[in-house]
Amino acid sequence: MIVARRSFVFKFNIRKFKGMEIFFERVNDGMKGEIPPPAYATKGSSGMDLRAAISDPTGYVVIPSGCRVTIPTGFRVSIPEGYEGQIRPRSGLAMRAGITVLNTPGTIDQDYTGEIQVILINHSPVNYVVYRFDRIAQLVITPVARATNITVATESDRGANGFGSTGID
């Protein structure tokens, strides 16, 4: 038996950022339109909260101690040219539960058109449960500078000496 699945994509909310419009589209049809869109928690927030779009019937995902999981958000975003999206951890989640974003900041390139997903890692000694609609990360939209003249660097007094090579005080 062949079952045809139709992807649910729908223009949702417009967020303004210094005169620029950011378009979000729903992409996770398993949530039936219930997942709240990314949003600023307060007027002074730098990042929009991203929520867990967990479509599993249990309504949760367990992150075992020391492990990582990818959590979908149910949205994709159209980022204007010259900008990127940065996925950053939520400080309270890191402080209270030892949960953070693994590749911090995670970069969403301007030309990426897939669903925003967040790689969470559990640094605590106990399992952590992420429930449907939990706020799991923040999305910050920032300008990107691109290099135009790329040349090979010349030697310096420091050379290739890296971590700690300039002293610890």
Protein backbone atom coordinates (compact mmCIF):
# COMPACT_ATOMS: atom_id res chain seq x y z
CA MET A 1 0.00 0.00 0.00
CA ILE A 2 1.34 3.44 -0.92
CA VAL A 3 0.48 6.30 1.39
CA ALA A 4 0.86 9.80 -0.01
CA ARG A 5 1.94 12.43 2.52
CA ARG A 6 1.39 16.07 1.81
CA SER A 7 3.72 18.53 3.47
CA PHE A 8 2.00 21.31 5.37
CA VAL A 9 3.62 24.66 4.73
CA PHE A 10 1.84 27.88 5.58
CA LYS A 11 2.83 31.52 5.71
CA PHE A 12 2.63 32.49 9.32
CA ASN A 13 3.88 35.52 11.13
CA ILE A 14 6.00 38.49 10.16
CA ARG A 15 8.55 39.76 12.65
CA LYS A 16 10.14 43.19 12.15
CA PHE A 17 13.80 43.69 12.95
CA LYS A 18 15.08 47.23 12.39
CA GLY A 19 12.86 47.70 9.34
CA MET A 20 13.48 44.20 7.96
CA GLU A 21 10.79 41.58 7.65
CA ILE A 22 11.45 38.01 8.71
CA PHE A 23 9.04 35.40 7.35
CA PHE A 24 8.39 32.15 9.20
CA GLU A 25 6.61 29.20 7.62
CA ARG A 26 5.18 26.16 9.39
CA VAL A 27 6.72 22.95 8.12
CA ASN A 28 5.92 20.27 10.70
CA ASP A 29 2.46 18.97 9.82
CA GLY A 30 2.53 16.56 12.79
CA MET A 31 1.85 19.51 15.11
CA LYS A 32 -1.47 20.42 13.42
CA GLY A 33 -0.68 24.13 13.60
CA GLU A 34 -0.41 24.17 17.39
CA ILE A 35 3.25 25.15 17.85
CA PRO A 36 3.65 28.84 18.70
CA PRO A 37 5.88 30.77 16.27
CA PRO A 38 9.31 32.04 17.34
CA ALA A 39 8.74 35.12 19.47
CA TYR A 40 10.56 37.64 21.65
CA ALA A 41 9.73 37.03 25.33
CA THR A 42 10.13 40.71 26.25
CA LYS A 43 10.50 44.03 24.47
CA GLY A 44 14.25 44.01 25.21
CA SER A 45 14.95 40.39 24.22
CA SER A 46 17.78 39.89 21.73
CA GLY A 47 16.63 36.44 20.67
CA MET A 48 13.32 34.89 19.72
CA ASP A 49 12.44 31.79 21.72
CA LEU A 50 12.30 28.56 19.72
CA ARG A 51 9.99 25.82 20.97
CA ALA A 52 10.18 22.05 20.69
CA ALA A 53 7.88 20.73 17.97
CA ILE A 54 7.70 17.19 19.29
CA SER A 55 5.12 15.30 17.26
CA ASP A 56 5.63 11.96 19.04
CA PRO A 57 2.33 10.82 20.64
CA THR A 58 4.00 10.80 24.07
CA GLY A 59 4.62 14.54 23.77
CA TYR A 60 8.21 14.34 24.96
CA VAL A 61 11.78 13.28 24.12
CA VAL A 62 14.31 12.05 26.70
CA ILE A 63 17.91 13.25 26.41
CA PRO A 64 20.04 10.74 28.33
CA SER A 65 22.94 12.07 30.38
CA GLY A 66 25.93 12.79 28.14
CA CYS A 67 23.90 12.42 24.94
CA ARG A 68 22.65 14.76 22.24
CA VAL A 69 19.44 14.91 20.21
CA THR A 70 18.12 17.02 17.38
CA ILE A 71 14.83 18.73 18.22
CA PRO A 72 12.64 20.16 15.42
CA THR A 73 11.01 23.57 15.85
CA GLY A 74 8.22 23.23 13.29
CA PHE A 75 9.29 26.34 11.36
CA ARG A 76 11.59 27.46 8.63
CA VAL A 77 12.69 31.04 8.17
CA SER A 78 13.52 33.34 5.27
CA ILE A 79 16.57 35.36 6.26
CA PRO A 80 17.42 38.47 4.22
CA GLU A 81 20.68 38.64 2.28
CA GLY A 82 23.55 39.91 4.42
CA TYR A 83 22.21 38.31 7.60
CA GLU A 84 22.35 34.97 9.39
CA GLY A 85 20.31 33.29 12.07
CA GLN A 86 22.19 32.17 15.18
CA ILE A 87 20.81 29.41 17.39
CA ARG A 88 21.89 30.10 20.95
CA PRO A 89 21.28 28.32 24.26
CA ARG A 90 18.80 29.51 26.86
CA SER A 91 20.82 30.49 29.92
CA GLY A 92 18.28 29.22 32.45
CA LEU A 93 18.13 25.80 30.81
CA ALA A 94 21.93 25.57 30.89
CA MET A 95 22.17 26.76 34.50
CA ARG A 96 19.34 24.73 36.00
CA ALA A 97 19.50 21.53 33.94
CA GLY A 98 22.88 21.38 32.18
CA ILE A 99 21.17 21.46 28.76
CA THR A 100 22.79 23.54 26.02
CA VAL A 101 23.05 23.89 22.25
CA LEU A 102 25.90 21.69 21.06
CA ASN A 103 27.30 23.79 18.21
CA THR A 104 26.92 27.20 19.78
CA PRO A 105 26.10 29.36 18.04
CA GLY A 106 24.47 27.20 15.40
CA THR A 107 24.36 29.10 12.12
CA ILE A 108 21.36 29.30 9.82
CA ASP A 109 22.72 30.54 6.51
CA GLN A 110 20.67 33.00 4.48
CA ASP A 111 20.13 30.39 1.74
CA TYR A 112 19.05 27.52 4.03
CA THR A 113 15.39 26.72 3.44
CA GLY A 114 14.78 23.67 5.66
CA GLU A 115 13.20 23.37 9.07
CA ILE A 116 15.08 24.98 11.95
CA GLN A 117 16.36 22.21 14.19
CA VAL A 118 18.29 22.50 17.44
CA ILE A 119 21.02 20.11 18.59
CA LEU A 120 20.71 19.85 22.37
CA ILE A 121 23.23 18.11 24.61
CA ASN A 122 22.72 16.99 28.19
CA HIS A 123 25.78 17.79 30.34
CA SER A 124 24.02 16.83 33.58
CA PRO A 125 24.42 13.48 35.36
CA VAL A 126 20.70 12.64 34.94
CA ASN A 127 18.33 12.22 32.01
CA TYR A 128 16.43 15.32 30.88
CA VAL A 129 12.94 15.38 29.37
CA VAL A 130 12.03 17.90 26.66
CA TYR A 131 8.27 18.33 26.40
CA ARG A 132 6.23 19.51 23.43
CA PHE A 133 6.27 23.33 23.24
CA ASP A 134 9.19 23.74 25.71
CA ARG A 135 11.36 26.74 24.94
CA ILE A 136 14.65 25.10 23.96
CA ALA A 137 16.84 27.79 22.35
CA GLN A 138 16.92 31.33 21.00
CA LEU A 139 17.15 32.62 17.43
CA VAL A 140 19.16 35.81 16.97
CA ILE A 141 19.27 37.52 13.55
CA THR A 142 22.64 39.22 12.97
CA PRO A 143 24.46 40.90 10.09
CA VAL A 144 27.26 38.98 8.37
CA ALA A 145 30.44 40.53 6.97
CA ARG A 146 31.84 38.68 3.95
CA ALA A 147 35.49 38.86 2.94
CA THR A 148 36.13 40.17 -0.57
CA ASN A 149 39.94 39.96 -0.95
CA ILE A 150 41.10 36.62 0.37
CA THR A 151 44.87 36.26 0.63
CA VAL A 152 47.16 33.89 2.48
CA ALA A 153 48.30 35.32 5.82
CA THR A 154 51.98 36.01 6.31
CA GLU A 155 54.01 34.91 9.33
CA SER A 156 53.83 36.94 12.55
CA ASP A 157 55.79 37.03 15.80
CA ARG A 158 53.17 34.73 17.34
CA GLY A 159 53.21 32.28 14.43
CA ALA A 160 51.09 29.17 14.82
CA ASN A 161 51.15 29.18 18.63
CA GLY A 162 47.55 28.86 19.79
CA PHE A 163 45.72 28.12 23.02
CA GLY A 164 47.44 29.79 25.97
CA SER A 165 50.49 30.87 23.97
CA THR A 166 50.25 34.50 25.13
CA GLY A 167 50.20 33.61 28.83
CA ILE A 168 47.53 33.05 31.44
CA ASP A 169 47.56 36.38 33.30
